[in-house]
Amino acid sequence: MTKIENGVPSTRLVGAAWRKSRHSNPNGNCVELAALPNGRVAMRNSRHPVGPVLIYGISDIAGFITSVKEGEFDDFLR
């Protein structure tokens, strides 16, 4: 069994169902997420789909999504 940790190539996450936001742009500059066992979430760059992934706990992802919704990162858009 493959140890799932930060930096593992996404190709080692057999059966991962990758998703990106419906708001993602069509030229592939997106972040994709996949649910993993034990409530973890993998994140990868859609421009490098076989590249390394980052692994987060569900509470970390929930905190990030909440922060985005609350506009905490809107200053990056200026």
C-alpha atoms as a PDB file:
ATOM      1  CA  MET A   1       0.000   0.000   0.000  1.00  0.00           C
ATOM      2  CA  THR A   2       1.273   3.458  -0.913  1.00  0.00           C
ATOM      3  CA  LYS A   3       1.933   5.782   1.991  1.00  0.00           C
ATOM      4  CA  ILE A   4      -0.087   8.916   1.316  1.00  0.00           C
ATOM      5  CA  GLU A   5       1.850  12.012   2.365  1.00  0.00           C
ATOM      6  CA  ASN A   6       2.787  15.431   1.023  1.00  0.00           C
ATOM      7  CA  GLY A   7       4.767  15.288  -2.192  1.00  0.00           C
ATOM      8  CA  VAL A   8       3.590  11.866  -3.369  1.00  0.00           C
ATOM      9  CA  PRO A   9       2.959  11.883  -7.142  1.00  0.00           C
ATOM     10  CA  SER A  10      -0.746  12.066  -7.897  1.00  0.00           C
ATOM     11  CA  THR A  11      -0.412   8.926 -10.029  1.00  0.00           C
ATOM     12  CA  ARG A  12       0.059   6.957  -6.791  1.00  0.00           C
ATOM     13  CA  LEU A  13      -3.403   7.948  -5.563  1.00  0.00           C
ATOM     14  CA  VAL A  14      -5.179   5.171  -7.434  1.00  0.00           C
ATOM     15  CA  GLY A  15      -8.896   5.772  -7.754  1.00  0.00           C
ATOM     16  CA  ALA A  16      -8.758   9.421  -6.666  1.00  0.00           C
ATOM     17  CA  ALA A  17     -11.662  11.380  -8.125  1.00  0.00           C
ATOM     18  CA  TRP A  18     -10.172  14.787  -8.893  1.00  0.00           C
ATOM     19  CA  ARG A  19     -12.476  17.833  -8.987  1.00  0.00           C
ATOM     20  CA  LYS A  20     -12.032  21.498  -9.706  1.00  0.00           C
ATOM     21  CA  SER A  21     -14.357  24.417  -9.232  1.00  0.00           C
ATOM     22  CA  ARG A  22     -16.899  25.140 -11.919  1.00  0.00           C
ATOM     23  CA  HIS A  23     -15.504  28.697 -11.738  1.00  0.00           C
ATOM     24  CA  SER A  24     -12.068  27.544 -12.906  1.00  0.00           C
ATOM     25  CA  ASN A  25     -10.791  29.096 -16.094  1.00  0.00           C
ATOM     26  CA  PRO A  26     -10.696  26.951 -19.237  1.00  0.00           C
ATOM     27  CA  ASN A  27      -6.923  27.169 -19.831  1.00  0.00           C
ATOM     28  CA  GLY A  28      -6.002  24.842 -16.982  1.00  0.00           C
ATOM     29  CA  ASN A  29      -4.729  27.223 -14.299  1.00  0.00           C
ATOM     30  CA  CYS A  30      -6.647  25.463 -11.559  1.00  0.00           C
ATOM     31  CA  VAL A  31      -6.360  23.665  -8.276  1.00  0.00           C
ATOM     32  CA  GLU A  32      -7.934  20.209  -8.147  1.00  0.00           C
ATOM     33  CA  LEU A  33      -9.053  18.375  -5.009  1.00  0.00           C
ATOM     34  CA  ALA A  34      -9.688  14.707  -4.274  1.00  0.00           C
ATOM     35  CA  ALA A  35     -11.150  13.122  -1.142  1.00  0.00           C
ATOM     36  CA  LEU A  36      -8.855  10.557   0.510  1.00  0.00           C
ATOM     37  CA  PRO A  37      -9.388   7.937   3.197  1.00  0.00           C
ATOM     38  CA  ASN A  38      -9.637   9.096   6.805  1.00  0.00           C
ATOM     39  CA  GLY A  39     -11.181  12.438   5.869  1.00  0.00           C
ATOM     40  CA  ARG A  40      -8.098  13.880   4.221  1.00  0.00           C
ATOM     41  CA  VAL A  41      -8.013  15.875   0.997  1.00  0.00           C
ATOM     42  CA  ALA A  42      -5.347  15.883  -1.731  1.00  0.00           C
ATOM     43  CA  MET A  43      -4.637  19.022  -3.741  1.00  0.00           C
ATOM     44  CA  ARG A  44      -2.777  19.242  -7.053  1.00  0.00           C
ATOM     45  CA  ASN A  45      -2.012  21.725  -9.806  1.00  0.00           C
ATOM     46  CA  SER A  46      -4.147  20.965 -12.868  1.00  0.00           C
ATOM     47  CA  ARG A  47      -1.298  22.055 -15.160  1.00  0.00           C
ATOM     48  CA  HIS A  48       0.806  19.201 -13.709  1.00  0.00           C
ATOM     49  CA  PRO A  49      -1.704  16.391 -13.115  1.00  0.00           C
ATOM     50  CA  VAL A  50       0.957  13.725 -12.501  1.00  0.00           C
ATOM     51  CA  GLY A  51       2.997  15.993 -10.249  1.00  0.00           C
ATOM     52  CA  PRO A  52       3.176  16.054  -6.454  1.00  0.00           C
ATOM     53  CA  VAL A  53       0.163  16.582  -4.240  1.00  0.00           C
ATOM     54  CA  LEU A  54      -0.365  18.340  -0.947  1.00  0.00           C
ATOM     55  CA  ILE A  55      -2.369  16.484   1.703  1.00  0.00           C
ATOM     56  CA  TYR A  56      -4.624  18.313   4.165  1.00  0.00           C
ATOM     57  CA  GLY A  57      -6.999  17.333   6.924  1.00  0.00           C
ATOM     58  CA  ILE A  58     -10.655  18.149   6.327  1.00  0.00           C
ATOM     59  CA  SER A  59     -10.618  20.816   9.054  1.00  0.00           C
ATOM     60  CA  ASP A  60      -7.726  22.586   7.285  1.00  0.00           C
ATOM     61  CA  ILE A  61      -9.620  22.580   3.979  1.00  0.00           C
ATOM     62  CA  ALA A  62     -12.814  23.752   5.707  1.00  0.00           C
ATOM     63  CA  GLY A  63     -10.911  26.646   7.303  1.00  0.00           C
ATOM     64  CA  PHE A  64      -9.384  27.626   3.977  1.00  0.00           C
ATOM     65  CA  ILE A  65     -12.727  27.540   2.153  1.00  0.00           C
ATOM     66  CA  THR A  66     -14.356  29.609   4.892  1.00  0.00           C
ATOM     67  CA  SER A  67     -11.558  32.185   4.655  1.00  0.00           C
ATOM     68  CA  VAL A  68     -11.964  32.403   0.885  1.00  0.00           C
ATOM     69  CA  LYS A  69     -15.724  32.861   1.207  1.00  0.00           C
ATOM     70  CA  GLU A  70     -15.177  35.618   3.793  1.00  0.00           C
ATOM     71  CA  GLY A  71     -12.869  37.493   1.413  1.00  0.00           C
ATOM     72  CA  GLU A  72      -9.663  37.034   3.400  1.00  0.00           C
ATOM     73  CA  PHE A  73      -7.612  36.641   0.212  1.00  0.00           C
ATOM     74  CA  ASP A  74      -9.356  39.251  -1.932  1.00  0.00           C
ATOM     75  CA  ASP A  75      -6.299  41.517  -1.738  1.00  0.00           C
ATOM     76  CA  PHE A  76      -4.547  39.108  -4.137  1.00  0.00           C
ATOM     77  CA  LEU A  77      -7.001  40.229  -6.822  1.00  0.00           C
ATOM     78  CA  ARG A  78      -5.853  43.860  -6.786  1.00  0.00           C
END
